[in-house]
Amino acid sequence: MFKEPTHAKPTHLMAVSALVLTLGSCAGPAPDTFDLTAVGARSPVKVAARTTRAQIVVPEPVSISPADGDKIVVRTQEGLSTLKGAQWADRLPRLVQARLVQTFENGRLILVVARPESKIAAQYSLVTEIRRFEIDVTTGEAVVEISAKLISESAGRIVAASIFTASVPGGAQSGAQASTALDDALGQVMTEIAQWAPRHV
């Protein structure tokens, strides 16, 4: 006797559908996104240094995890973590690079400041490293520490080097609170770098 074929249930499709539903139910709201501000964007750069006709390139700062991504870093007694529900508008090193270049441009103390990809005939490179960029909940402060080296392109040597640090009151209760405090601390550091660099080129 002819027997009608039994149609197997599409178990693989059911599994995929279940996975999609599970992932959809786990997806939370998009994190709040925050930016950083160049010094002089809202008010004149307060500097006390001579103007120079040097041309400088500013590569992307060196950084290590977790400060090399787009998360706001929080330091606790247990170590480093990131603030949930908040992120920077770009990777932190790229964002700091952009705002540092803009700070120099706003200060008008150096003839040309640009990124390496601009292909200008630069006399110096400003090489930086983000050592700390975090909310330290153990002290209730936002801490930014950046080391900077001015390197002569013609001589291939370091002509000046310094470490710039700023701390301002700040907590991690919200992304807005943390990002504002870190922006203020970065502003102090960038102002010092903008004052320091023209004296050595």
C-alpha atoms as a PDB file:
ATOM      1  CA  MET A   1       0.000   0.000   0.000  1.00  0.00           C
ATOM      2  CA  PHE A   2       1.237   3.471  -0.886  1.00  0.00           C
ATOM      3  CA  LYS A   3       1.995   5.515   2.202  1.00  0.00           C
ATOM      4  CA  GLU A   4       2.018   9.304   2.128  1.00  0.00           C
ATOM      5  CA  PRO A   5       5.417  10.709   3.106  1.00  0.00           C
ATOM      6  CA  THR A   6       5.583  12.210   6.531  1.00  0.00           C
ATOM      7  CA  HIS A   7       6.679  15.874   6.487  1.00  0.00           C
ATOM      8  CA  ALA A   8       9.354  16.498   9.096  1.00  0.00           C
ATOM      9  CA  LYS A   9       9.026  19.632  11.180  1.00  0.00           C
ATOM     10  CA  PRO A  10      11.528  22.322  10.147  1.00  0.00           C
ATOM     11  CA  THR A  11      13.345  22.168  13.458  1.00  0.00           C
ATOM     12  CA  HIS A  12      16.288  24.268  12.222  1.00  0.00           C
ATOM     13  CA  LEU A  13      13.932  27.101  11.268  1.00  0.00           C
ATOM     14  CA  MET A  14      12.207  26.851  14.625  1.00  0.00           C
ATOM     15  CA  ALA A  15      15.571  27.063  16.368  1.00  0.00           C
ATOM     16  CA  VAL A  16      16.604  30.132  14.383  1.00  0.00           C
ATOM     17  CA  SER A  17      13.264  31.811  15.091  1.00  0.00           C
ATOM     18  CA  ALA A  18      13.617  31.088  18.789  1.00  0.00           C
ATOM     19  CA  LEU A  19      17.136  32.532  18.787  1.00  0.00           C
ATOM     20  CA  VAL A  20      15.987  35.719  17.064  1.00  0.00           C
ATOM     21  CA  LEU A  21      13.187  36.141  19.571  1.00  0.00           C
ATOM     22  CA  THR A  22      15.586  35.571  22.456  1.00  0.00           C
ATOM     23  CA  LEU A  23      18.091  38.097  21.147  1.00  0.00           C
ATOM     24  CA  GLY A  24      15.337  40.610  20.519  1.00  0.00           C
ATOM     25  CA  SER A  25      14.035  40.279  24.040  1.00  0.00           C
ATOM     26  CA  CYS A  26      17.564  40.715  25.475  1.00  0.00           C
ATOM     27  CA  ALA A  27      18.347  43.878  23.500  1.00  0.00           C
ATOM     28  CA  GLY A  28      18.088  46.891  25.789  1.00  0.00           C
ATOM     29  CA  PRO A  29      17.877  50.587  24.983  1.00  0.00           C
ATOM     30  CA  ALA A  30      20.728  52.128  22.983  1.00  0.00           C
ATOM     31  CA  PRO A  31      23.444  53.640  25.198  1.00  0.00           C
ATOM     32  CA  ASP A  32      23.569  57.412  25.622  1.00  0.00           C
ATOM     33  CA  THR A  33      26.329  58.947  23.486  1.00  0.00           C
ATOM     34  CA  PHE A  34      28.609  61.770  24.640  1.00  0.00           C
ATOM     35  CA  ASP A  35      31.185  63.989  22.964  1.00  0.00           C
ATOM     36  CA  LEU A  36      34.290  65.865  24.086  1.00  0.00           C
ATOM     37  CA  THR A  37      34.912  69.579  23.574  1.00  0.00           C
ATOM     38  CA  ALA A  38      37.920  71.374  22.106  1.00  0.00           C
ATOM     39  CA  VAL A  39      39.284  74.225  24.201  1.00  0.00           C
ATOM     40  CA  GLY A  40      38.222  77.519  22.657  1.00  0.00           C
ATOM     41  CA  ALA A  41      35.120  76.049  21.054  1.00  0.00           C
ATOM     42  CA  ARG A  42      32.916  78.167  23.330  1.00  0.00           C
ATOM     43  CA  SER A  43      35.421  80.786  24.561  1.00  0.00           C
ATOM     44  CA  PRO A  44      38.902  82.022  23.530  1.00  0.00           C
ATOM     45  CA  VAL A  45      41.862  79.827  24.400  1.00  0.00           C
ATOM     46  CA  LYS A  46      43.679  81.326  27.375  1.00  0.00           C
ATOM     47  CA  VAL A  47      47.338  80.910  26.563  1.00  0.00           C
ATOM     48  CA  ALA A  48      50.571  82.642  27.459  1.00  0.00           C
ATOM     49  CA  ALA A  49      52.992  81.523  24.790  1.00  0.00           C
ATOM     50  CA  ARG A  50      54.563  82.921  21.650  1.00  0.00           C
ATOM     51  CA  THR A  51      53.201  82.208  18.205  1.00  0.00           C
ATOM     52  CA  THR A  52      55.382  79.967  16.033  1.00  0.00           C
ATOM     53  CA  ARG A  53      55.343  79.247  12.310  1.00  0.00           C
ATOM     54  CA  ALA A  54      56.064  75.562  12.830  1.00  0.00           C
ATOM     55  CA  GLN A  55      53.984  72.819  11.226  1.00  0.00           C
ATOM     56  CA  ILE A  56      53.023  69.906  13.484  1.00  0.00           C
ATOM     57  CA  VAL A  57      51.198  66.633  12.927  1.00  0.00           C
ATOM     58  CA  VAL A  58      49.229  64.964  15.724  1.00  0.00           C
ATOM     59  CA  PRO A  59      48.927  61.175  15.345  1.00  0.00           C
ATOM     60  CA  GLU A  60      46.157  59.274  17.117  1.00  0.00           C
ATOM     61  CA  PRO A  61      47.124  58.854  20.793  1.00  0.00           C
ATOM     62  CA  VAL A  62      48.365  55.491  21.998  1.00  0.00           C
ATOM     63  CA  SER A  63      46.101  53.813  24.539  1.00  0.00           C
ATOM     64  CA  ILE A  64      45.382  50.401  25.989  1.00  0.00           C
ATOM     65  CA  SER A  65      42.145  48.647  26.872  1.00  0.00           C
ATOM     66  CA  PRO A  66      39.635  49.647  28.093  1.00  0.00           C
ATOM     67  CA  ALA A  67      40.487  53.279  27.251  1.00  0.00           C
ATOM     68  CA  ASP A  68      41.137  52.424  23.585  1.00  0.00           C
ATOM     69  CA  GLY A  69      37.433  51.900  22.840  1.00  0.00           C
ATOM     70  CA  ASP A  70      34.285  54.016  23.058  1.00  0.00           C
ATOM     71  CA  LYS A  71      33.316  53.189  26.655  1.00  0.00           C
ATOM     72  CA  ILE A  72      33.595  55.494  29.676  1.00  0.00           C
ATOM     73  CA  VAL A  73      36.112  53.927  32.043  1.00  0.00           C
ATOM     74  CA  VAL A  74      35.444  53.670  35.769  1.00  0.00           C
ATOM     75  CA  ARG A  75      38.059  52.796  38.397  1.00  0.00           C
ATOM     76  CA  THR A  76      36.847  51.046  41.544  1.00  0.00           C
ATOM     77  CA  GLN A  77      38.620  49.305  44.397  1.00  0.00           C
ATOM     78  CA  GLU A  78      38.259  46.072  42.411  1.00  0.00           C
ATOM     79  CA  GLY A  79      39.889  47.503  39.265  1.00  0.00           C
ATOM     80  CA  LEU A  80      38.749  48.976  35.957  1.00  0.00           C
ATOM     81  CA  SER A  81      35.305  48.613  34.424  1.00  0.00           C
ATOM     82  CA  THR A  82      33.094  50.601  32.049  1.00  0.00           C
ATOM     83  CA  LEU A  83      29.993  52.667  32.690  1.00  0.00           C
ATOM     84  CA  LYS A  84      26.838  50.891  31.541  1.00  0.00           C
ATOM     85  CA  GLY A  85      24.435  52.710  29.260  1.00  0.00           C
ATOM     86  CA  ALA A  86      26.963  55.309  28.110  1.00  0.00           C
ATOM     87  CA  GLN A  87      29.534  55.636  25.344  1.00  0.00           C
ATOM     88  CA  TRP A  88      31.715  58.188  23.580  1.00  0.00           C
ATOM     89  CA  ALA A  89      30.793  59.425  20.109  1.00  0.00           C
ATOM     90  CA  ASP A  90      33.874  57.638  18.693  1.00  0.00           C
ATOM     91  CA  ARG A  91      36.836  55.618  19.922  1.00  0.00           C
ATOM     92  CA  LEU A  92      38.413  57.671  22.705  1.00  0.00           C
ATOM     93  CA  PRO A  93      41.906  58.001  21.106  1.00  0.00           C
ATOM     94  CA  ARG A  94      40.404  59.255  17.835  1.00  0.00           C
ATOM     95  CA  LEU A  95      38.129  61.663  19.699  1.00  0.00           C
ATOM     96  CA  VAL A  96      41.010  63.065  21.781  1.00  0.00           C
ATOM     97  CA  GLN A  97      43.119  63.467  18.628  1.00  0.00           C
ATOM     98  CA  ALA A  98      40.378  65.486  16.915  1.00  0.00           C
ATOM     99  CA  ARG A  99      39.778  67.759  19.910  1.00  0.00           C
ATOM    100  CA  LEU A 100      43.504  68.315  20.466  1.00  0.00           C
ATOM    101  CA  VAL A 101      43.992  69.397  16.847  1.00  0.00           C
ATOM    102  CA  GLN A 102      40.993  71.725  17.172  1.00  0.00           C
ATOM    103  CA  THR A 103      42.371  73.177  20.405  1.00  0.00           C
ATOM    104  CA  PHE A 104      45.625  74.082  18.639  1.00  0.00           C
ATOM    105  CA  GLU A 105      43.684  75.587  15.753  1.00  0.00           C
ATOM    106  CA  ASN A 106      41.560  77.660  18.147  1.00  0.00           C
ATOM    107  CA  GLY A 107      44.679  78.899  19.963  1.00  0.00           C
ATOM    108  CA  ARG A 108      46.395  80.001  16.722  1.00  0.00           C
ATOM    109  CA  LEU A 109      49.838  79.688  18.305  1.00  0.00           C
ATOM    110  CA  ILE A 110      51.204  77.246  15.722  1.00  0.00           C
ATOM    111  CA  LEU A 111      51.021  77.902  11.990  1.00  0.00           C
ATOM    112  CA  VAL A 112      49.673  74.471  10.983  1.00  0.00           C
ATOM    113  CA  VAL A 113      48.488  71.559  13.124  1.00  0.00           C
ATOM    114  CA  ALA A 114      47.010  68.546  11.339  1.00  0.00           C
ATOM    115  CA  ARG A 115      46.655  64.785  11.298  1.00  0.00           C
ATOM    116  CA  PRO A 116      49.393  62.700   9.603  1.00  0.00           C
ATOM    117  CA  GLU A 117      47.081  61.755   6.729  1.00  0.00           C
ATOM    118  CA  SER A 118      46.949  65.434   5.689  1.00  0.00           C
ATOM    119  CA  LYS A 119      50.404  64.899   4.097  1.00  0.00           C
ATOM    120  CA  ILE A 120      51.739  68.306   5.158  1.00  0.00           C
ATOM    121  CA  ALA A 121      55.496  68.866   5.319  1.00  0.00           C
ATOM    122  CA  ALA A 122      55.588  68.852   9.113  1.00  0.00           C
ATOM    123  CA  GLN A 123      58.662  69.767  11.128  1.00  0.00           C
ATOM    124  CA  TYR A 124      57.398  68.024  14.273  1.00  0.00           C
ATOM    125  CA  SER A 125      55.141  65.209  15.421  1.00  0.00           C
ATOM    126  CA  LEU A 126      53.238  65.501  18.679  1.00  0.00           C
ATOM    127  CA  VAL A 127      53.078  61.896  19.894  1.00  0.00           C
ATOM    128  CA  THR A 128      50.751  61.334  22.843  1.00  0.00           C
ATOM    129  CA  GLU A 129      49.669  58.489  25.092  1.00  0.00           C
ATOM    130  CA  ILE A 130      46.462  58.350  27.108  1.00  0.00           C
ATOM    131  CA  ARG A 131      47.622  57.014  30.459  1.00  0.00           C
ATOM    132  CA  ARG A 132      44.409  57.647  32.385  1.00  0.00           C
ATOM    133  CA  PHE A 133      40.969  58.782  31.251  1.00  0.00           C
ATOM    134  CA  GLU A 134      38.567  57.605  33.905  1.00  0.00           C
ATOM    135  CA  ILE A 135      36.179  58.268  36.718  1.00  0.00           C
ATOM    136  CA  ASP A 136      37.873  57.200  39.938  1.00  0.00           C
ATOM    137  CA  VAL A 137      35.014  56.410  42.300  1.00  0.00           C
ATOM    138  CA  THR A 138      37.455  55.798  45.156  1.00  0.00           C
ATOM    139  CA  THR A 139      38.345  59.519  45.146  1.00  0.00           C
ATOM    140  CA  GLY A 140      35.215  60.949  43.487  1.00  0.00           C
ATOM    141  CA  GLU A 141      37.271  62.501  40.680  1.00  0.00           C
ATOM    142  CA  ALA A 142      37.554  62.473  36.918  1.00  0.00           C
ATOM    143  CA  VAL A 143      41.213  61.920  36.064  1.00  0.00           C
ATOM    144  CA  VAL A 144      42.912  62.569  32.733  1.00  0.00           C
ATOM    145  CA  GLU A 145      46.628  61.926  32.276  1.00  0.00           C
ATOM    146  CA  ILE A 146      48.329  62.271  28.886  1.00  0.00           C
ATOM    147  CA  SER A 147      52.034  62.029  28.123  1.00  0.00           C
ATOM    148  CA  ALA A 148      53.324  64.057  25.172  1.00  0.00           C
ATOM    149  CA  LYS A 149      56.507  63.997  23.128  1.00  0.00           C
ATOM    150  CA  LEU A 150      57.538  66.480  20.454  1.00  0.00           C
ATOM    151  CA  ILE A 151      59.637  64.686  17.858  1.00  0.00           C
ATOM    152  CA  SER A 152      61.733  66.505  15.252  1.00  0.00           C
ATOM    153  CA  GLU A 153      60.960  65.007  11.840  1.00  0.00           C
ATOM    154  CA  SER A 154      64.321  66.087  10.378  1.00  0.00           C
ATOM    155  CA  ALA A 155      66.518  64.988  13.294  1.00  0.00           C
ATOM    156  CA  GLY A 156      64.394  61.993  14.318  1.00  0.00           C
ATOM    157  CA  ARG A 157      64.769  62.780  18.008  1.00  0.00           C
ATOM    158  CA  ILE A 158      62.633  63.881  20.939  1.00  0.00           C
ATOM    159  CA  VAL A 159      63.024  67.621  21.529  1.00  0.00           C
ATOM    160  CA  ALA A 160      60.648  67.849  24.502  1.00  0.00           C
ATOM    161  CA  ALA A 161      58.563  65.526  26.643  1.00  0.00           C
ATOM    162  CA  SER A 162      56.157  66.020  29.513  1.00  0.00           C
ATOM    163  CA  ILE A 163      53.208  64.452  31.351  1.00  0.00           C
ATOM    164  CA  PHE A 164      50.003  66.428  31.794  1.00  0.00           C
ATOM    165  CA  THR A 165      47.460  65.521  34.471  1.00  0.00           C
ATOM    166  CA  ALA A 166      44.191  67.044  35.639  1.00  0.00           C
ATOM    167  CA  SER A 167      41.602  65.954  38.206  1.00  0.00           C
ATOM    168  CA  VAL A 168      38.164  67.465  38.741  1.00  0.00           C
ATOM    169  CA  PRO A 169      35.262  66.376  40.955  1.00  0.00           C
ATOM    170  CA  GLY A 170      33.157  63.772  39.182  1.00  0.00           C
ATOM    171  CA  GLY A 171      31.145  60.625  39.741  1.00  0.00           C
ATOM    172  CA  ALA A 172      29.724  57.723  37.796  1.00  0.00           C
ATOM    173  CA  GLN A 173      26.063  58.077  38.710  1.00  0.00           C
ATOM    174  CA  SER A 174      25.225  58.832  35.077  1.00  0.00           C
ATOM    175  CA  GLY A 175      26.856  59.134  31.696  1.00  0.00           C
ATOM    176  CA  ALA A 176      26.117  62.866  31.604  1.00  0.00           C
ATOM    177  CA  GLN A 177      27.820  63.439  34.955  1.00  0.00           C
ATOM    178  CA  ALA A 178      30.862  61.338  34.082  1.00  0.00           C
ATOM    179  CA  SER A 179      31.346  62.722  30.571  1.00  0.00           C
ATOM    180  CA  THR A 180      31.060  66.344  31.721  1.00  0.00           C
ATOM    181  CA  ALA A 181      33.703  65.864  34.400  1.00  0.00           C
ATOM    182  CA  LEU A 182      36.066  64.067  32.007  1.00  0.00           C
ATOM    183  CA  ASP A 183      35.533  66.783  29.405  1.00  0.00           C
ATOM    184  CA  ASP A 184      36.506  69.434  31.972  1.00  0.00           C
ATOM    185  CA  ALA A 185      39.644  67.515  32.967  1.00  0.00           C
ATOM    186  CA  LEU A 186      40.632  66.989  29.331  1.00  0.00           C
ATOM    187  CA  GLY A 187      40.151  70.706  28.690  1.00  0.00           C
ATOM    188  CA  GLN A 188      42.728  71.524  31.361  1.00  0.00           C
ATOM    189  CA  VAL A 189      45.190  69.027  29.927  1.00  0.00           C
ATOM    190  CA  MET A 190      44.757  70.244  26.345  1.00  0.00           C
ATOM    191  CA  THR A 191      45.215  73.865  27.426  1.00  0.00           C
ATOM    192  CA  GLU A 192      48.525  72.955  29.071  1.00  0.00           C
ATOM    193  CA  ILE A 193      49.674  71.048  25.986  1.00  0.00           C
ATOM    194  CA  ALA A 194      48.706  73.986  23.737  1.00  0.00           C
ATOM    195  CA  GLN A 195      50.781  76.302  25.938  1.00  0.00           C
ATOM    196  CA  TRP A 196      53.713  73.895  26.206  1.00  0.00           C
ATOM    197  CA  ALA A 197      54.260  72.853  22.587  1.00  0.00           C
ATOM    198  CA  PRO A 198      54.978  76.284  21.026  1.00  0.00           C
ATOM    199  CA  ARG A 199      57.787  76.859  23.516  1.00  0.00           C
ATOM    200  CA  HIS A 200      59.715  73.882  22.142  1.00  0.00           C
ATOM    201  CA  VAL A 201      59.360  74.216  18.364  1.00  0.00           C
END
